[in-house]
């Protein structure tokens, strides 16, 4: 298997960050809660408490 270079890994990391931010933003916008793992248990986060990286969306979603 071919190894990935640093630039490819950075692109993959950015892609994952964007996907997460987009998904969280969509859930917040549509009023859907999310489930996260916190303190060894599943916790439901209501849409008004969802936090995400808005800057990454501003920078990369044009």
N, C-alpha and C. Protein backbone atom coordinates (compact mmCIF):
# COMPACT_ATOMS: atom_id res chain seq x y z
N UNK A 1 0.83 -1.17 0.00
CA UNK A 1 0.00 0.00 0.00
C UNK A 1 0.89 1.25 0.00
N UNK A 2 0.50 2.24 -0.78
CA UNK A 2 1.27 3.47 -0.90
C UNK A 2 1.02 4.37 0.32
N UNK A 3 2.11 4.95 0.85
CA UNK A 3 1.99 5.87 1.99
C UNK A 3 1.47 7.23 1.50
N UNK A 4 0.70 7.87 2.34
CA UNK A 4 0.20 9.21 2.02
C UNK A 4 1.21 10.25 2.49
N UNK A 5 1.39 11.27 1.69
CA UNK A 5 2.28 12.36 2.08
C UNK A 5 1.57 13.32 3.03
N UNK A 6 2.34 14.23 3.60
CA UNK A 6 1.79 15.19 4.55
C UNK A 6 0.69 16.04 3.93
N UNK A 7 0.86 16.44 2.67
CA UNK A 7 -0.16 17.28 2.03
C UNK A 7 -1.47 16.53 1.88
N UNK A 8 -1.40 15.23 1.57
CA UNK A 8 -2.62 14.44 1.47
C UNK A 8 -3.29 14.29 2.83
N UNK A 9 -2.49 14.08 3.85
CA UNK A 9 -3.05 13.94 5.19
C UNK A 9 -3.72 15.24 5.63
N UNK A 10 -3.13 16.38 5.29
CA UNK A 10 -3.73 17.67 5.63
C UNK A 10 -5.05 17.86 4.91
N UNK A 11 -5.12 17.45 3.64
CA UNK A 11 -6.36 17.54 2.88
C UNK A 11 -7.44 16.65 3.48
N UNK A 12 -7.07 15.46 3.88
CA UNK A 12 -8.02 14.53 4.49
C UNK A 12 -8.52 15.11 5.81
N UNK A 13 -7.61 15.63 6.62
CA UNK A 13 -7.98 16.21 7.90
C UNK A 13 -8.94 17.39 7.70
N UNK A 14 -8.65 18.25 6.76
CA UNK A 14 -9.52 19.39 6.46
C UNK A 14 -10.89 18.89 6.00
N UNK A 15 -10.90 17.88 5.16
CA UNK A 15 -12.17 17.33 4.67
C UNK A 15 -13.03 16.79 5.79
N UNK A 16 -12.41 16.12 6.74
CA UNK A 16 -13.15 15.59 7.89
C UNK A 16 -13.67 16.73 8.75
N UNK A 17 -12.84 17.75 9.00
CA UNK A 17 -13.27 18.90 9.79
C UNK A 17 -14.45 19.61 9.13
N UNK A 18 -14.38 19.79 7.81
CA UNK A 18 -15.47 20.44 7.09
C UNK A 18 -16.75 19.62 7.16
N UNK A 19 -16.63 18.32 6.99
CA UNK A 19 -17.81 17.45 7.05
C UNK A 19 -18.48 17.52 8.42
N UNK A 20 -17.68 17.51 9.47
CA UNK A 20 -18.23 17.60 10.82
C UNK A 20 -18.90 18.95 11.04
N UNK A 21 -18.24 20.04 10.67
CA UNK A 21 -18.80 21.38 10.86
C UNK A 21 -20.10 21.54 10.06
N UNK A 22 -20.12 21.06 8.82
CA UNK A 22 -21.33 21.15 7.99
C UNK A 22 -22.48 20.36 8.61
N UNK A 23 -22.18 19.17 9.10
CA UNK A 23 -23.21 18.33 9.70
C UNK A 23 -23.77 18.97 10.97
N UNK A 24 -22.88 19.47 11.83
CA UNK A 24 -23.34 20.11 13.05
C UNK A 24 -24.14 21.37 12.75
N UNK A 25 -23.71 22.15 11.78
CA UNK A 25 -24.44 23.36 11.40
C UNK A 25 -25.83 23.01 10.87
N UNK A 26 -25.91 21.96 10.07
CA UNK A 26 -27.20 21.53 9.53
C UNK A 26 -28.14 21.05 10.63
N UNK A 27 -27.61 20.29 11.57
CA UNK A 27 -28.44 19.82 12.69
C UNK A 27 -28.95 21.01 13.50
N UNK A 28 -28.08 21.96 13.76
CA UNK A 28 -28.48 23.14 14.54
C UNK A 28 -29.55 23.93 13.79
N UNK A 29 -29.34 24.13 12.49
CA UNK A 29 -30.27 24.92 11.66
C UNK A 29 -31.65 24.26 11.57
N UNK A 30 -31.68 22.94 11.49
CA UNK A 30 -32.94 22.23 11.32
C UNK A 30 -33.58 21.79 12.65
N UNK A 31 -32.93 22.13 13.76
CA UNK A 31 -33.51 21.84 15.06
C UNK A 31 -33.39 20.40 15.50
N UNK A 32 -32.39 19.71 15.00
CA UNK A 32 -32.18 18.30 15.38
C UNK A 32 -31.05 18.19 16.40
N UNK A 33 -31.29 17.41 17.43
CA UNK A 33 -30.25 17.21 18.43
C UNK A 33 -29.20 16.23 17.90
N UNK A 34 -28.09 16.16 18.63
CA UNK A 34 -27.03 15.20 18.28
C UNK A 34 -26.73 14.37 19.53
N UNK A 35 -26.11 13.24 19.33
CA UNK A 35 -25.67 12.40 20.44
C UNK A 35 -24.15 12.35 20.42
N UNK A 36 -23.55 12.56 21.58
CA UNK A 36 -22.09 12.52 21.71
C UNK A 36 -21.72 11.58 22.85
N UNK A 37 -20.46 11.19 22.87
CA UNK A 37 -19.93 10.35 23.95
C UNK A 37 -19.20 11.28 24.92
N UNK A 38 -19.65 11.31 26.18
CA UNK A 38 -19.04 12.18 27.18
C UNK A 38 -19.08 11.48 28.53
N UNK A 39 -17.97 11.48 29.21
CA UNK A 39 -17.88 10.88 30.55
C UNK A 39 -18.41 9.44 30.56
N UNK A 40 -17.96 8.66 29.59
CA UNK A 40 -18.30 7.24 29.51
C UNK A 40 -19.79 6.95 29.31
N UNK A 41 -20.51 7.88 28.68
CA UNK A 41 -21.92 7.63 28.39
C UNK A 41 -22.36 8.48 27.20
N UNK A 42 -23.48 8.13 26.64
CA UNK A 42 -24.05 8.88 25.52
C UNK A 42 -24.84 10.05 26.10
N UNK A 43 -24.59 11.24 25.55
CA UNK A 43 -25.28 12.45 25.98
C UNK A 43 -25.95 13.07 24.76
N UNK A 44 -27.21 13.44 24.90
CA UNK A 44 -27.93 14.12 23.82
C UNK A 44 -27.75 15.63 23.99
N UNK A 45 -27.36 16.28 22.90
CA UNK A 45 -27.14 17.72 22.91
C UNK A 45 -28.25 18.37 22.09
N UNK A 46 -29.06 19.24 22.71
CA UNK A 46 -30.13 19.90 21.96
C UNK A 46 -29.54 20.88 20.93
N UNK A 47 -30.29 21.18 19.89
CA UNK A 47 -29.75 22.02 18.81
C UNK A 47 -29.23 23.38 19.28
N UNK A 48 -29.87 23.97 20.26
CA UNK A 48 -29.43 25.30 20.72
C UNK A 48 -28.09 25.25 21.45
N UNK A 49 -27.63 24.06 21.83
CA UNK A 49 -26.34 23.92 22.51
C UNK A 49 -25.24 23.38 21.60
N UNK A 50 -25.55 23.10 20.35
CA UNK A 50 -24.56 22.56 19.42
C UNK A 50 -23.54 23.64 19.09
N UNK A 51 -22.28 23.31 19.21
CA UNK A 51 -21.19 24.22 18.86
C UNK A 51 -20.35 23.60 17.75
N UNK A 52 -19.90 24.43 16.84
CA UNK A 52 -19.06 23.96 15.74
C UNK A 52 -18.16 25.08 15.28
N UNK A 53 -17.19 24.76 14.46
CA UNK A 53 -16.21 25.72 13.97
C UNK A 53 -16.79 26.52 12.80
N UNK A 54 -17.37 27.68 13.11
CA UNK A 54 -17.98 28.52 12.08
C UNK A 54 -16.91 29.11 11.14
N UNK A 55 -15.72 29.35 11.66
CA UNK A 55 -14.66 29.95 10.85
C UNK A 55 -14.25 29.04 9.69
N UNK A 56 -14.18 27.74 9.95
CA UNK A 56 -13.78 26.83 8.88
C UNK A 56 -14.82 26.85 7.76
N UNK A 57 -16.09 27.02 8.11
CA UNK A 57 -17.11 27.08 7.08
C UNK A 57 -17.02 28.40 6.30
N UNK A 58 -16.78 29.48 7.00
CA UNK A 58 -16.63 30.78 6.33
C UNK A 58 -15.45 30.76 5.36
N UNK A 59 -14.40 30.11 5.78
CA UNK A 59 -13.16 30.09 4.99
C UNK A 59 -13.27 29.17 3.78
N UNK A 60 -13.97 28.04 3.91
CA UNK A 60 -13.94 27.03 2.85
C UNK A 60 -15.26 26.82 2.13
N UNK A 61 -16.38 27.30 2.66
CA UNK A 61 -17.67 27.19 1.99
C UNK A 61 -18.03 28.54 1.40
N UNK A 62 -17.78 28.68 0.14
CA UNK A 62 -18.04 29.97 -0.51
C UNK A 62 -19.11 29.84 -1.55
